[in-house]
Amino acid sequence: MTLSAQSILDFPVPQATHVVTARDAILYALSTGYGTDAPDKKTLKYVYERDLVTAPTLANIVAHPGPWMQQTGVDWTRLVHSEHRLTIHRPVPLDVPLISRSRVLSVVDRGVEKGMFVSFERLIATVDGDEPIATIVQTNACRGDGGCGSVGSAPEPLPKVPDREPDLEFNVDIPDNAALLYRLNGDLNPLHVDPQAAGRSGFDRPILHGLCSFGYAGYAIVAAIDPSMGSGLSAIAARFSAPIFPGETITVQIWRNDAEIRFRGLVAARGATILDNGMARLS
């Protein structure tokens, strides 16, 4: 396939189906911070099948179409997740057949050897009744490509966080085995576990899945604002601005305006901002 912006825009992203079980929901919750400390009443409901509550960001792993961009002709080894936006229409239901339908929204070309950004939308709904569950807009940075032209309508840029001290800060320790656990949700990209694969992608060691840090951020926002963990999220978005490694600590800085949240994630030990321009909305 000749690599061109139009061929990527027209690529038929496969549909995917998924029946989420209690085990799936518990595994996801455990891999994104819920129950990391000794489980108590407020977090047990996310990791115990009795009266199970699904984590707000669970939709990110539901009915995923897989590594379809490998088939478009991009340099897969240089591709990284750049930005993610999740709108939650209703909590992910258990034991209900779900389907996702995806389409490419845009290709933004930065020039030959400068890379490009590809954004696509994934709609998740019930198979019977077509009831919407979540809408996801994902942007991938194709760092080894570029020069193929731009096409489509790119998402509006996420605004910067406020230029003042945050209202809240919440520290989250990422376990050393976080990537090994998170990959069991379905993302088996060797970049996150194999040192040689990480080296081929330009990293000196495996990096954490972007959506794992995204899930930890969702957990941290709710835990910081509502320690009872009684609240949820109806939307969350952020830019992945730098890699994070298993074993590090994320400091989630939060600015709150009632139900509207702005946030970013820092790794203070390296002086790195790993999540930026974050936006969330309490449900």
Protein backbone atom coordinates (compact mmCIF):
# COMPACT_ATOMS: atom_id res chain seq x y z
CA MET A 1 0.00 0.00 0.00
CA THR A 2 1.30 3.44 -0.98
CA LEU A 3 1.42 5.66 2.08
CA SER A 4 -0.68 8.75 1.55
CA ALA A 5 -2.85 10.85 3.77
CA GLN A 6 -5.95 9.92 1.78
CA SER A 7 -5.24 6.18 1.95
CA ILE A 8 -4.99 6.44 5.74
CA LEU A 9 -8.17 8.54 5.98
CA ASP A 10 -10.03 5.97 3.86
CA PHE A 11 -8.68 2.92 5.69
CA PRO A 12 -11.52 0.65 6.81
CA VAL A 13 -10.83 0.29 10.53
CA PRO A 14 -12.31 -3.08 11.53
CA GLN A 15 -15.28 -3.31 13.83
CA ALA A 16 -14.74 -5.18 17.07
CA THR A 17 -17.03 -6.86 19.56
CA HIS A 18 -16.54 -7.52 23.25
CA VAL A 19 -18.50 -8.97 26.15
CA VAL A 20 -16.98 -7.46 29.31
CA THR A 21 -16.96 -9.85 32.26
CA ALA A 22 -16.51 -9.12 35.93
CA ARG A 23 -12.99 -10.53 35.61
CA ASP A 24 -12.19 -8.06 32.81
CA ALA A 25 -13.45 -5.13 34.89
CA ILE A 26 -11.54 -6.20 38.01
CA LEU A 27 -8.30 -6.78 36.09
CA TYR A 28 -8.55 -3.32 34.54
CA ALA A 29 -9.24 -1.68 37.89
CA LEU A 30 -6.29 -3.44 39.53
CA SER A 31 -4.03 -2.37 36.65
CA THR A 32 -4.94 1.32 37.00
CA GLY A 33 -4.62 1.93 40.73
CA TYR A 34 -7.82 0.65 42.32
CA GLY A 35 -6.98 -1.64 45.23
CA THR A 36 -3.25 -0.89 45.08
CA ASP A 37 -3.35 -0.17 48.80
CA ALA A 38 -5.18 -2.50 51.16
CA PRO A 39 -8.73 -2.52 49.73
CA ASP A 40 -11.36 -0.83 51.87
CA LYS A 41 -15.05 -0.17 51.38
CA LYS A 42 -14.46 2.74 48.99
CA THR A 43 -12.26 0.80 46.55
CA LEU A 44 -13.45 -2.76 47.14
CA LYS A 45 -16.48 -2.15 44.95
CA TYR A 46 -14.16 -1.79 41.92
CA VAL A 47 -12.26 -5.03 42.54
CA TYR A 48 -14.87 -7.38 44.05
CA GLU A 49 -17.52 -9.07 41.94
CA ARG A 50 -20.27 -8.53 44.53
CA ASP A 51 -22.04 -5.27 43.61
CA LEU A 52 -19.18 -4.54 41.20
CA VAL A 53 -18.77 -0.96 39.93
CA THR A 54 -16.77 -0.53 36.71
CA ALA A 55 -13.94 2.01 36.65
CA PRO A 56 -14.86 5.13 34.61
CA THR A 57 -12.01 4.70 32.13
CA LEU A 58 -12.69 0.99 31.49
CA ALA A 59 -14.20 1.88 28.11
CA ASN A 60 -10.68 2.53 26.78
CA ILE A 61 -10.01 -1.20 26.48
CA VAL A 62 -13.48 -2.28 25.32
CA ALA A 63 -13.96 -3.62 21.77
CA HIS A 64 -10.58 -2.32 20.65
CA PRO A 65 -9.94 -2.84 16.91
CA GLY A 66 -6.34 -3.90 17.51
CA PRO A 67 -3.12 -2.68 15.84
CA TRP A 68 -4.84 -1.81 12.56
CA MET A 69 -2.41 1.00 11.75
CA GLN A 70 0.26 -1.62 11.05
CA GLN A 71 -1.66 -2.31 7.84
CA THR A 72 -1.69 1.30 6.62
CA GLY A 73 2.03 1.41 5.79
CA VAL A 74 3.22 3.60 8.68
CA ASP A 75 6.43 2.80 10.56
CA TRP A 76 4.82 0.83 13.39
CA THR A 77 8.00 0.71 15.51
CA ARG A 78 8.07 4.52 15.72
CA LEU A 79 4.37 5.01 16.47
CA VAL A 80 3.31 6.23 19.93
CA HIS A 81 -0.01 7.24 21.46
CA SER A 82 -0.02 11.04 21.53
CA GLU A 83 -3.42 12.18 22.82
CA HIS A 84 -6.60 10.60 24.11
CA ARG A 85 -10.15 11.82 24.70
CA LEU A 86 -12.86 9.73 26.33
CA THR A 87 -16.52 10.70 26.70
CA ILE A 88 -18.51 8.31 28.89
CA HIS A 89 -22.19 8.07 28.03
CA ARG A 90 -22.93 5.36 30.59
CA PRO A 91 -20.87 2.92 32.68
CA VAL A 92 -19.62 -0.13 30.80
CA PRO A 93 -22.20 -2.89 31.36
CA LEU A 94 -21.14 -6.42 32.23
CA ASP A 95 -22.06 -9.53 30.25
CA VAL A 96 -23.64 -7.48 27.46
CA PRO A 97 -22.43 -7.78 23.83
CA LEU A 98 -20.76 -4.51 22.78
CA ILE A 99 -19.50 -3.32 19.42
CA SER A 100 -17.12 -0.57 18.32
CA ARG A 101 -17.18 1.27 15.02
CA SER A 102 -14.18 3.40 14.12
CA ARG A 103 -13.22 5.92 11.47
CA VAL A 104 -10.12 7.98 10.76
CA LEU A 105 -10.75 11.70 11.31
CA SER A 106 -7.56 13.35 10.12
CA VAL A 107 -3.93 13.15 9.13
CA VAL A 108 -1.75 16.13 10.07
CA ASP A 109 1.57 16.05 8.23
CA ARG A 110 4.60 17.78 9.75
CA GLY A 111 6.88 17.12 6.78
CA VAL A 112 9.36 14.51 5.57
CA GLU A 113 11.17 12.82 8.49
CA LYS A 114 9.26 15.05 10.94
CA GLY A 115 6.35 12.70 11.48
CA MET A 116 2.61 13.07 11.35
CA PHE A 117 -0.43 12.78 13.60
CA VAL A 118 -3.34 10.48 12.83
CA SER A 119 -6.61 10.90 14.75
CA PHE A 120 -9.45 8.41 14.75
CA GLU A 121 -12.79 8.06 16.50
CA ARG A 122 -14.18 4.91 18.11
CA LEU A 123 -17.85 4.65 19.06
CA ILE A 124 -18.79 1.89 21.52
CA ALA A 125 -22.41 0.78 21.78
CA THR A 126 -24.51 -2.22 22.71
CA VAL A 127 -25.02 -4.72 19.90
CA ASP A 128 -28.72 -5.06 20.69
CA GLY A 129 -30.34 -1.65 20.73
CA ASP A 130 -27.23 0.31 19.71
CA GLU A 131 -27.21 2.17 23.04
CA PRO A 132 -24.09 4.42 23.22
CA ILE A 133 -21.54 3.55 25.89
CA ALA A 134 -18.55 5.76 25.07
CA THR A 135 -16.93 7.90 22.39
CA ILE A 136 -13.15 7.85 22.09
CA VAL A 137 -10.92 10.09 19.97
CA GLN A 138 -7.32 8.91 19.83
CA THR A 139 -4.34 10.60 18.20
CA ASN A 140 -1.22 8.65 17.30
CA ALA A 141 2.15 10.25 16.56
CA CYS A 142 3.79 8.47 13.64
CA ARG A 143 7.33 9.61 14.35
CA GLY A 144 8.93 7.71 11.45
CA ASP A 145 6.61 9.08 8.77
CA GLY A 146 5.67 12.40 7.23
CA GLY A 147 5.59 14.03 3.84
CA CYS A 148 2.37 12.33 2.78
CA GLY A 149 0.10 15.37 3.05
CA SER A 150 -2.67 16.43 5.43
CA VAL A 151 -6.35 15.64 5.13
CA GLY A 152 -9.53 15.60 7.24
CA SER A 153 -10.58 17.63 10.25
CA ALA A 154 -8.27 17.37 13.25
CA PRO A 155 -9.66 17.63 16.80
CA GLU A 156 -9.48 21.06 18.40
CA PRO A 157 -6.29 21.37 20.50
CA LEU A 158 -6.67 20.68 24.19
CA PRO A 159 -6.22 23.99 26.09
CA LYS A 160 -3.32 24.48 28.47
CA VAL A 161 -3.83 24.09 32.20
CA PRO A 162 -4.27 27.29 34.27
CA ASP A 163 -1.20 29.42 34.93
CA ARG A 164 -1.48 29.28 38.73
CA GLU A 165 -0.88 26.88 41.59
CA PRO A 166 -3.11 23.79 41.46
CA ASP A 167 -5.99 23.41 43.88
CA LEU A 168 -5.05 19.83 44.69
CA GLU A 169 -2.17 17.42 44.24
CA PHE A 170 -2.38 13.64 44.48
CA ASN A 171 0.57 11.25 44.30
CA VAL A 172 0.20 7.84 42.68
CA ASP A 173 2.94 5.22 42.87
CA ILE A 174 3.17 3.13 39.70
CA PRO A 175 4.21 -0.45 40.57
CA ASP A 176 7.31 -1.93 38.97
CA ASN A 177 5.15 -4.60 37.32
CA ALA A 178 2.50 -2.15 36.08
CA ALA A 179 3.13 -2.75 32.37
CA LEU A 180 3.18 -6.52 32.84
CA LEU A 181 -0.23 -6.33 34.49
CA TYR A 182 -1.79 -3.73 32.21
CA ARG A 183 -0.88 -5.62 29.01
CA LEU A 184 -3.24 -8.40 30.11
CA ASN A 185 -6.07 -6.01 29.21
CA GLY A 186 -5.20 -6.67 25.57
CA ASP A 187 -2.40 -4.29 24.54
CA LEU A 188 0.47 -6.70 23.89
CA ASN A 189 2.78 -4.21 22.14
CA PRO A 190 6.31 -5.42 23.04
CA LEU A 191 7.37 -1.78 23.46
CA HIS A 192 6.03 -2.03 27.01
CA VAL A 193 7.80 -5.21 28.08
CA ASP A 194 10.72 -6.07 25.75
CA PRO A 195 13.94 -4.02 26.13
CA GLN A 196 14.98 -4.79 22.54
CA ALA A 197 11.62 -3.64 21.16
CA ALA A 198 11.86 -0.50 23.28
CA GLY A 199 15.34 0.15 21.87
CA ARG A 200 14.08 -0.16 18.29
CA SER A 201 11.46 2.47 19.15
CA GLY A 202 14.09 4.86 20.51
CA PHE A 203 13.71 4.23 24.26
CA ASP A 204 16.41 2.93 26.58
CA ARG A 205 13.92 0.66 28.40
CA PRO A 206 10.26 -0.36 28.13
CA ILE A 207 7.79 2.43 28.78
CA LEU A 208 4.40 2.26 30.45
CA HIS A 209 1.29 2.12 28.27
CA GLY A 210 -0.07 5.63 27.82
CA LEU A 211 -3.57 4.43 28.64
CA CYS A 212 -2.28 2.88 31.86
CA SER A 213 -1.07 6.28 33.08
CA PHE A 214 -4.35 7.74 31.77
CA GLY A 215 -6.31 5.24 33.87
CA TYR A 216 -4.19 6.06 36.93
CA ALA A 217 -4.95 9.75 36.34
CA GLY A 218 -8.68 9.02 36.24
CA TYR A 219 -8.38 7.13 39.51
CA ALA A 220 -6.32 9.94 41.10
CA ILE A 221 -8.77 12.68 40.10
CA VAL A 222 -11.73 10.94 41.70
CA ALA A 223 -9.74 9.87 44.78
CA ALA A 224 -8.37 13.40 45.32
CA ILE A 225 -11.73 15.17 44.98
CA ASP A 226 -13.99 12.55 46.55
CA PRO A 227 -12.09 10.27 48.98
CA SER A 228 -15.23 8.15 49.33
CA MET A 229 -14.80 7.24 45.63
CA GLY A 230 -18.52 7.79 45.25
CA SER A 231 -18.14 10.06 42.22
CA GLY A 232 -17.30 9.13 38.67
CA LEU A 233 -16.20 10.78 35.46
CA SER A 234 -18.27 11.61 32.40
CA ALA A 235 -15.26 12.71 30.35
CA ILE A 236 -11.47 12.79 30.51
CA ALA A 237 -8.79 13.81 28.01
CA ALA A 238 -5.06 14.49 28.02
CA ARG A 239 -1.94 14.72 25.90
CA PHE A 240 0.85 12.21 26.46
CA SER A 241 3.74 14.64 26.62
CA ALA A 242 6.57 12.35 27.79
CA PRO A 243 7.00 8.64 28.55
CA ILE A 244 6.58 7.28 32.04
CA PHE A 245 8.34 4.19 33.32
CA PRO A 246 7.03 1.52 35.69
CA GLY A 247 8.16 2.18 39.26
CA GLU A 248 7.83 5.95 39.06
CA THR A 249 5.49 8.23 41.02
CA ILE A 250 3.00 10.46 39.23
CA THR A 251 1.99 13.71 40.89
CA VAL A 252 -1.42 14.63 39.50
CA GLN A 253 -2.01 18.37 39.76
CA ILE A 254 -5.69 19.35 39.70
CA TRP A 255 -7.52 22.62 39.08
CA ARG A 256 -11.23 22.43 39.89
CA ASN A 257 -14.18 24.56 38.84
CA ASP A 258 -17.16 22.68 40.27
CA ALA A 259 -17.61 19.62 38.02
CA GLU A 260 -15.04 20.83 35.48
CA ILE A 261 -11.47 19.65 36.09
CA ARG A 262 -8.14 20.57 34.54
CA PHE A 263 -5.08 18.45 35.32
CA ARG A 264 -1.58 17.38 34.43
CA GLY A 265 0.72 14.59 35.57
CA LEU A 266 4.33 15.11 36.65
CA VAL A 267 7.22 12.82 37.52
CA ALA A 268 9.03 15.12 39.93
CA ALA A 269 12.10 12.89 40.19
CA ARG A 270 12.87 13.56 36.52
CA GLY A 271 11.28 16.98 36.23
CA ALA A 272 9.05 15.52 33.49
CA THR A 273 5.48 16.34 32.56
CA ILE A 274 4.03 13.05 31.34
CA LEU A 275 0.37 14.08 30.99
CA ASP A 276 -0.53 17.62 29.96
CA ASN A 277 -3.50 19.77 28.94
CA GLY A 278 -5.73 17.41 30.88
CA MET A 279 -9.48 17.95 31.08
CA ALA A 280 -12.08 15.96 33.01
CA ARG A 281 -15.69 16.29 34.06
CA LEU A 282 -17.28 14.73 37.11
CA SER A 283 -20.44 12.76 36.51
